[in-house]
Amino acid sequence: MQTTKSVIRRPGARTKRLERIVKGFANHRRIEILELLERYPEMCVSEISKKLQIEMKTASEHLRRLAIAGLLLKRYEGREVRHAITEQARHILSFLDKLA
């Protein structure tokens, strides 16, 4: 009788990338921001904080984390930064809708 040992693999580039993406939206406020930006494309941080009734500093931190995860696009317009969701973020929102 031959036994099979389970192989523990170190995280590769793919799993690290997936972890970064999942951590990027693994917060109710970030999901709210993604949903808001799906309805109202290209909003600045002040508009987002006003719509969600949160502090600008909080909104800014969540936007930063979403951008790191590759779920936001930024467009500079004068002194403002306009945020929009990526196609990947749209797929994630669709996936989350199916879970709910």
C-alpha atoms as a PDB file:
ATOM      1  CA  MET A   1       0.000   0.000   0.000  1.00  0.00           C
ATOM      2  CA  GLN A   2       1.403   3.303  -1.062  1.00  0.00           C
ATOM      3  CA  THR A   3       0.651   6.470   0.905  1.00  0.00           C
ATOM      4  CA  THR A   4       0.413   9.829  -0.693  1.00  0.00           C
ATOM      5  CA  LYS A   5       1.931  12.778   1.082  1.00  0.00           C
ATOM      6  CA  SER A   6       0.150  16.068   0.650  1.00  0.00           C
ATOM      7  CA  VAL A   7       2.385  18.678  -0.838  1.00  0.00           C
ATOM      8  CA  ILE A   8       2.341  22.119   0.710  1.00  0.00           C
ATOM      9  CA  ARG A   9       3.185  24.702  -1.888  1.00  0.00           C
ATOM     10  CA  ARG A  10       4.396  28.165  -1.222  1.00  0.00           C
ATOM     11  CA  PRO A  11       2.167  30.892  -2.566  1.00  0.00           C
ATOM     12  CA  GLY A  12       3.022  31.701  -6.149  1.00  0.00           C
ATOM     13  CA  ALA A  13       2.542  34.888  -8.085  1.00  0.00           C
ATOM     14  CA  ARG A  14      -1.045  33.980  -9.004  1.00  0.00           C
ATOM     15  CA  THR A  15      -2.187  33.308  -5.446  1.00  0.00           C
ATOM     16  CA  LYS A  16      -0.437  36.423  -4.146  1.00  0.00           C
ATOM     17  CA  ARG A  17      -2.189  38.498  -6.810  1.00  0.00           C
ATOM     18  CA  LEU A  18      -5.554  36.964  -5.889  1.00  0.00           C
ATOM     19  CA  GLU A  19      -4.901  37.666  -2.218  1.00  0.00           C
ATOM     20  CA  ARG A  20      -4.148  41.332  -3.003  1.00  0.00           C
ATOM     21  CA  ILE A  21      -7.393  41.646  -4.971  1.00  0.00           C
ATOM     22  CA  VAL A  22      -9.557  39.940  -2.343  1.00  0.00           C
ATOM     23  CA  LYS A  23      -8.049  41.980   0.481  1.00  0.00           C
ATOM     24  CA  GLY A  24      -8.698  45.064  -1.621  1.00  0.00           C
ATOM     25  CA  PHE A  25     -12.475  44.646  -1.518  1.00  0.00           C
ATOM     26  CA  ALA A  26     -12.826  42.678   1.735  1.00  0.00           C
ATOM     27  CA  ASN A  27     -14.498  45.511   3.620  1.00  0.00           C
ATOM     28  CA  HIS A  28     -18.117  46.701   3.585  1.00  0.00           C
ATOM     29  CA  ARG A  29     -17.117  50.332   2.981  1.00  0.00           C
ATOM     30  CA  ARG A  30     -14.951  49.395  -0.001  1.00  0.00           C
ATOM     31  CA  ILE A  31     -17.783  47.367  -1.474  1.00  0.00           C
ATOM     32  CA  GLU A  32     -20.078  50.377  -0.964  1.00  0.00           C
ATOM     33  CA  ILE A  33     -17.535  52.581  -2.751  1.00  0.00           C
ATOM     34  CA  LEU A  34     -17.326  50.153  -5.680  1.00  0.00           C
ATOM     35  CA  GLU A  35     -21.121  50.033  -5.927  1.00  0.00           C
ATOM     36  CA  LEU A  36     -21.318  53.826  -5.744  1.00  0.00           C
ATOM     37  CA  LEU A  37     -18.725  54.227  -8.493  1.00  0.00           C
ATOM     38  CA  GLU A  38     -20.586  51.724 -10.630  1.00  0.00           C
ATOM     39  CA  ARG A  39     -23.684  53.952 -10.421  1.00  0.00           C
ATOM     40  CA  TYR A  40     -21.838  57.294 -10.591  1.00  0.00           C
ATOM     41  CA  PRO A  41     -18.597  56.926 -12.574  1.00  0.00           C
ATOM     42  CA  GLU A  42     -15.754  59.343 -11.933  1.00  0.00           C
ATOM     43  CA  MET A  43     -16.252  60.769  -8.477  1.00  0.00           C
ATOM     44  CA  CYS A  44     -13.733  62.593  -6.332  1.00  0.00           C
ATOM     45  CA  VAL A  45     -13.070  61.721  -2.682  1.00  0.00           C
ATOM     46  CA  SER A  46     -15.195  64.598  -1.358  1.00  0.00           C
ATOM     47  CA  GLU A  47     -18.196  63.457  -3.418  1.00  0.00           C
ATOM     48  CA  ILE A  48     -17.742  59.859  -2.251  1.00  0.00           C
ATOM     49  CA  SER A  49     -17.435  60.831   1.405  1.00  0.00           C
ATOM     50  CA  LYS A  50     -20.513  63.030   1.160  1.00  0.00           C
ATOM     51  CA  LYS A  51     -22.639  60.333  -0.543  1.00  0.00           C
ATOM     52  CA  LEU A  52     -21.600  57.642   1.960  1.00  0.00           C
ATOM     53  CA  GLN A  53     -21.586  60.013   4.939  1.00  0.00           C
ATOM     54  CA  ILE A  54     -18.056  59.110   5.998  1.00  0.00           C
ATOM     55  CA  GLU A  55     -14.978  61.190   6.758  1.00  0.00           C
ATOM     56  CA  MET A  56     -12.824  62.198   3.790  1.00  0.00           C
ATOM     57  CA  LYS A  57      -9.801  60.604   5.452  1.00  0.00           C
ATOM     58  CA  THR A  58     -11.677  57.288   5.723  1.00  0.00           C
ATOM     59  CA  ALA A  59     -12.849  57.458   2.104  1.00  0.00           C
ATOM     60  CA  SER A  60      -9.337  58.320   0.968  1.00  0.00           C
ATOM     61  CA  GLU A  61      -7.827  55.312   2.764  1.00  0.00           C
ATOM     62  CA  HIS A  62     -10.399  52.955   1.253  1.00  0.00           C
ATOM     63  CA  LEU A  63      -9.777  54.418  -2.210  1.00  0.00           C
ATOM     64  CA  ARG A  64      -6.056  53.890  -1.714  1.00  0.00           C
ATOM     65  CA  ARG A  65      -6.562  50.225  -0.848  1.00  0.00           C
ATOM     66  CA  LEU A  66      -8.883  49.708  -3.820  1.00  0.00           C
ATOM     67  CA  ALA A  67      -6.293  51.302  -6.116  1.00  0.00           C
ATOM     68  CA  ILE A  68      -3.523  49.053  -4.747  1.00  0.00           C
ATOM     69  CA  ALA A  69      -5.754  46.056  -5.511  1.00  0.00           C
ATOM     70  CA  GLY A  70      -6.111  47.288  -9.100  1.00  0.00           C
ATOM     71  CA  LEU A  71      -9.848  47.932  -8.762  1.00  0.00           C
ATOM     72  CA  LEU A  72      -9.784  51.700  -9.359  1.00  0.00           C
ATOM     73  CA  LEU A  73      -8.643  54.008 -12.099  1.00  0.00           C
ATOM     74  CA  LYS A  74      -7.580  57.563 -11.286  1.00  0.00           C
ATOM     75  CA  ARG A  75      -7.866  60.558 -13.578  1.00  0.00           C
ATOM     76  CA  TYR A  76      -6.402  63.884 -12.561  1.00  0.00           C
ATOM     77  CA  GLU A  77      -8.560  66.911 -13.302  1.00  0.00           C
ATOM     78  CA  GLY A  78      -6.928  70.079 -12.046  1.00  0.00           C
ATOM     79  CA  ARG A  79      -6.599  69.713  -8.274  1.00  0.00           C
ATOM     80  CA  GLU A  80      -9.103  66.856  -8.105  1.00  0.00           C
ATOM     81  CA  VAL A  81      -8.587  63.158  -8.622  1.00  0.00           C
ATOM     82  CA  ARG A  82     -11.532  61.421 -10.274  1.00  0.00           C
ATOM     83  CA  HIS A  83     -12.013  57.746  -9.453  1.00  0.00           C
ATOM     84  CA  ALA A  84     -13.641  55.078 -11.601  1.00  0.00           C
ATOM     85  CA  ILE A  85     -13.833  51.307 -11.278  1.00  0.00           C
ATOM     86  CA  THR A  86     -11.934  48.917 -13.516  1.00  0.00           C
ATOM     87  CA  GLU A  87     -13.461  46.119 -15.562  1.00  0.00           C
ATOM     88  CA  GLN A  88     -12.128  43.701 -12.966  1.00  0.00           C
ATOM     89  CA  ALA A  89     -14.076  45.576 -10.265  1.00  0.00           C
ATOM     90  CA  ARG A  90     -17.232  45.203 -12.380  1.00  0.00           C
ATOM     91  CA  HIS A  91     -16.673  41.447 -12.495  1.00  0.00           C
ATOM     92  CA  ILE A  92     -16.185  41.368  -8.728  1.00  0.00           C
ATOM     93  CA  LEU A  93     -19.429  43.288  -8.160  1.00  0.00           C
ATOM     94  CA  SER A  94     -21.238  40.849 -10.420  1.00  0.00           C
ATOM     95  CA  PHE A  95     -19.755  37.947  -8.459  1.00  0.00           C
ATOM     96  CA  LEU A  96     -20.778  39.536  -5.143  1.00  0.00           C
ATOM     97  CA  ASP A  97     -24.330  40.028  -6.441  1.00  0.00           C
ATOM     98  CA  LYS A  98     -24.536  36.295  -7.129  1.00  0.00           C
ATOM     99  CA  LEU A  99     -23.350  35.521  -3.582  1.00  0.00           C
ATOM    100  CA  ALA A 100     -25.892  37.770  -1.896  1.00  0.00           C
END
